[in-house]
Amino acid sequence: MGAKIKKGDLVQVISGARQDRGGDRGKQGKVLRVFPESNRVLVEGINRVTKHVKAGQTQRGTNTGGIEVVEAPIHVSNVALVDPSSKKPTRVGFRVEKADRNGVEREVRVRVAKASGKDI
C-alpha cells in the first residue's frame, strides 16, 4: 500500500486556527518525518511548541537545557499535499503503470495530483 504523504513532500495545513489568530492554517512546509503507526507527520515550521529541557552537560562541558522551540507531529488528515503545478493543496490519487525493471515487468503505483492530474 503506497503512502499518500511521504518524507520530503511539500504540504499545507488545511485545518486549525487561522494565521491571524496565531494558528498554522494555510502555512506550507516540508515533511521531515512520517509516523505511520499514529497517522502523524512532522512538518518543518508547523505546530511549534515550547519544550522545557532539563539542564545537563555534554562531554565537552558545555551546558545544555533551557526552553527550546521544536516542531510537534500533526495528524495527517490536517495536511494536504501541495500540487507542484499550481502550488495549491490537492488530494492524492494513484495510477497503476507497468514498469520494466531488469527484464522483469511489474506494476508500479504512481502518485497523482487529483486537481491537475500531474505526477507527484
Protein backbone atom coordinates (compact mmCIF):
# COMPACT_ATOMS: atom_id res chain seq x y z
CA MET A 1 0.00 0.00 0.00
CA GLY A 2 1.52 3.31 -1.08
CA ALA A 3 1.54 6.25 1.29
CA LYS A 4 -0.21 9.44 0.22
CA ILE A 5 2.23 11.69 2.09
CA LYS A 6 5.92 10.87 2.27
CA LYS A 7 9.08 12.40 3.74
CA GLY A 8 10.24 15.38 1.70
CA ASP A 9 6.78 16.29 0.36
CA LEU A 10 5.57 19.88 0.44
CA VAL A 11 2.29 20.02 2.40
CA GLN A 12 -0.14 22.72 3.51
CA VAL A 13 -2.09 22.83 6.77
CA ILE A 14 -5.82 22.78 5.95
CA SER A 15 -7.37 22.87 9.44
CA GLY A 16 -6.94 24.58 12.78
CA ALA A 17 -6.73 28.22 13.77
CA ARG A 18 -6.13 30.87 11.11
CA GLN A 19 -2.75 32.57 10.96
CA ASP A 20 -4.15 35.92 12.14
CA ARG A 21 -5.30 34.12 15.31
CA GLY A 22 -1.90 32.58 15.91
CA GLY A 23 -2.56 29.28 14.16
CA ASP A 24 -0.88 27.42 11.33
CA ARG A 25 -3.74 27.03 8.81
CA GLY A 26 -2.58 27.95 5.31
CA LYS A 27 1.13 27.53 6.08
CA GLN A 28 3.23 25.29 3.86
CA GLY A 29 6.21 23.22 4.93
CA LYS A 30 8.32 20.20 4.08
CA VAL A 31 7.59 16.84 5.75
CA LEU A 32 10.55 15.95 7.97
CA ARG A 33 9.28 12.61 9.27
CA VAL A 34 6.23 10.34 8.95
CA PHE A 35 4.80 8.32 11.86
CA PRO A 36 2.57 5.72 10.14
CA GLU A 37 1.66 3.92 13.39
CA SER A 38 -0.05 7.05 14.76
CA ASN A 39 -1.03 8.63 11.38
CA ARG A 40 1.01 11.75 12.10
CA VAL A 41 3.61 13.79 10.23
CA LEU A 42 6.32 16.18 11.42
CA VAL A 43 6.30 19.32 9.25
CA GLU A 44 9.07 21.92 9.16
CA GLY A 45 7.96 25.16 10.87
CA ILE A 46 4.45 23.87 11.69
CA ASN A 47 2.93 23.15 15.14
CA ARG A 48 5.87 24.62 17.06
CA VAL A 49 5.72 24.03 20.80
CA THR A 50 7.93 25.15 23.68
CA LYS A 51 9.75 22.29 25.37
CA HIS A 52 11.48 22.56 28.73
CA VAL A 53 14.74 20.62 28.63
CA LYS A 54 16.42 19.58 31.88
CA ALA A 55 19.85 21.15 32.42
CA GLY A 56 22.84 18.91 31.86
CA GLN A 57 26.35 18.85 30.45
CA THR A 58 27.82 17.42 27.29
CA GLN A 59 31.18 15.62 27.07
CA ARG A 60 32.98 18.91 26.40
CA GLY A 61 31.44 20.57 29.45
CA THR A 62 29.00 22.92 27.70
CA ASN A 63 25.70 23.40 29.47
CA THR A 64 22.51 22.16 27.86
CA GLY A 65 18.89 22.66 28.77
CA GLY A 66 16.51 25.56 28.98
CA ILE A 67 13.45 26.32 26.88
CA GLU A 68 13.54 25.13 23.27
CA VAL A 69 11.00 25.61 20.49
CA VAL A 70 10.52 22.40 18.50
CA GLU A 71 8.01 21.06 15.98
CA ALA A 72 5.39 18.60 17.21
CA PRO A 73 3.70 16.00 14.99
CA ILE A 74 0.38 16.91 13.35
CA HIS A 75 -2.32 14.49 12.22
CA VAL A 76 -2.09 13.51 8.57
CA SER A 77 -5.75 14.46 7.98
CA ASN A 78 -4.95 18.08 8.83
CA VAL A 79 -2.47 18.49 5.99
CA ALA A 80 -2.83 18.25 2.21
CA LEU A 81 -0.16 17.69 -0.39
CA VAL A 82 0.69 20.79 -2.48
CA ASP A 83 0.16 20.42 -6.22
CA PRO A 84 3.54 21.04 -7.92
CA SER A 85 1.98 22.96 -10.83
CA SER A 86 -0.50 25.26 -9.03
CA LYS A 87 1.16 25.44 -5.56
CA LYS A 88 -2.27 24.80 -4.01
CA PRO A 89 -3.38 21.89 -1.81
CA THR A 90 -4.76 18.86 -3.62
CA ARG A 91 -5.94 15.34 -2.93
CA VAL A 92 -3.74 12.41 -3.90
CA GLY A 93 -4.71 9.57 -6.21
CA PHE A 94 -2.80 6.64 -7.65
CA ARG A 95 -2.29 5.40 -11.19
CA VAL A 96 -1.03 1.89 -11.85
CA GLU A 97 1.63 1.62 -14.54
CA LYS A 98 3.59 -1.28 -15.93
CA ALA A 99 7.34 -0.82 -15.43
CA ASP A 100 10.15 -2.92 -16.87
CA ARG A 101 12.97 -3.30 -14.35
CA ASN A 102 15.94 -5.58 -15.09
CA GLY A 103 13.85 -7.53 -17.56
CA VAL A 104 11.05 -8.11 -15.03
CA GLU A 105 7.73 -6.45 -15.76
CA ARG A 106 5.76 -5.33 -12.70
CA GLU A 107 3.01 -2.95 -11.70
CA VAL A 108 4.02 0.33 -10.06
CA ARG A 109 1.74 2.76 -8.25
CA VAL A 110 2.39 6.40 -9.15
CA ARG A 111 1.06 9.25 -7.02
CA VAL A 112 -1.09 11.71 -8.98
CA ALA A 113 -2.47 15.14 -8.00
CA LYS A 114 -6.27 14.99 -8.32
CA ALA A 115 -6.61 18.69 -9.16
CA SER A 116 -4.24 18.81 -12.14
CA GLY A 117 -3.67 15.14 -12.96
CA LYS A 118 0.11 15.65 -12.87
CA ASP A 119 2.53 13.14 -11.35
CA ILE A 120 3.97 13.94 -7.94
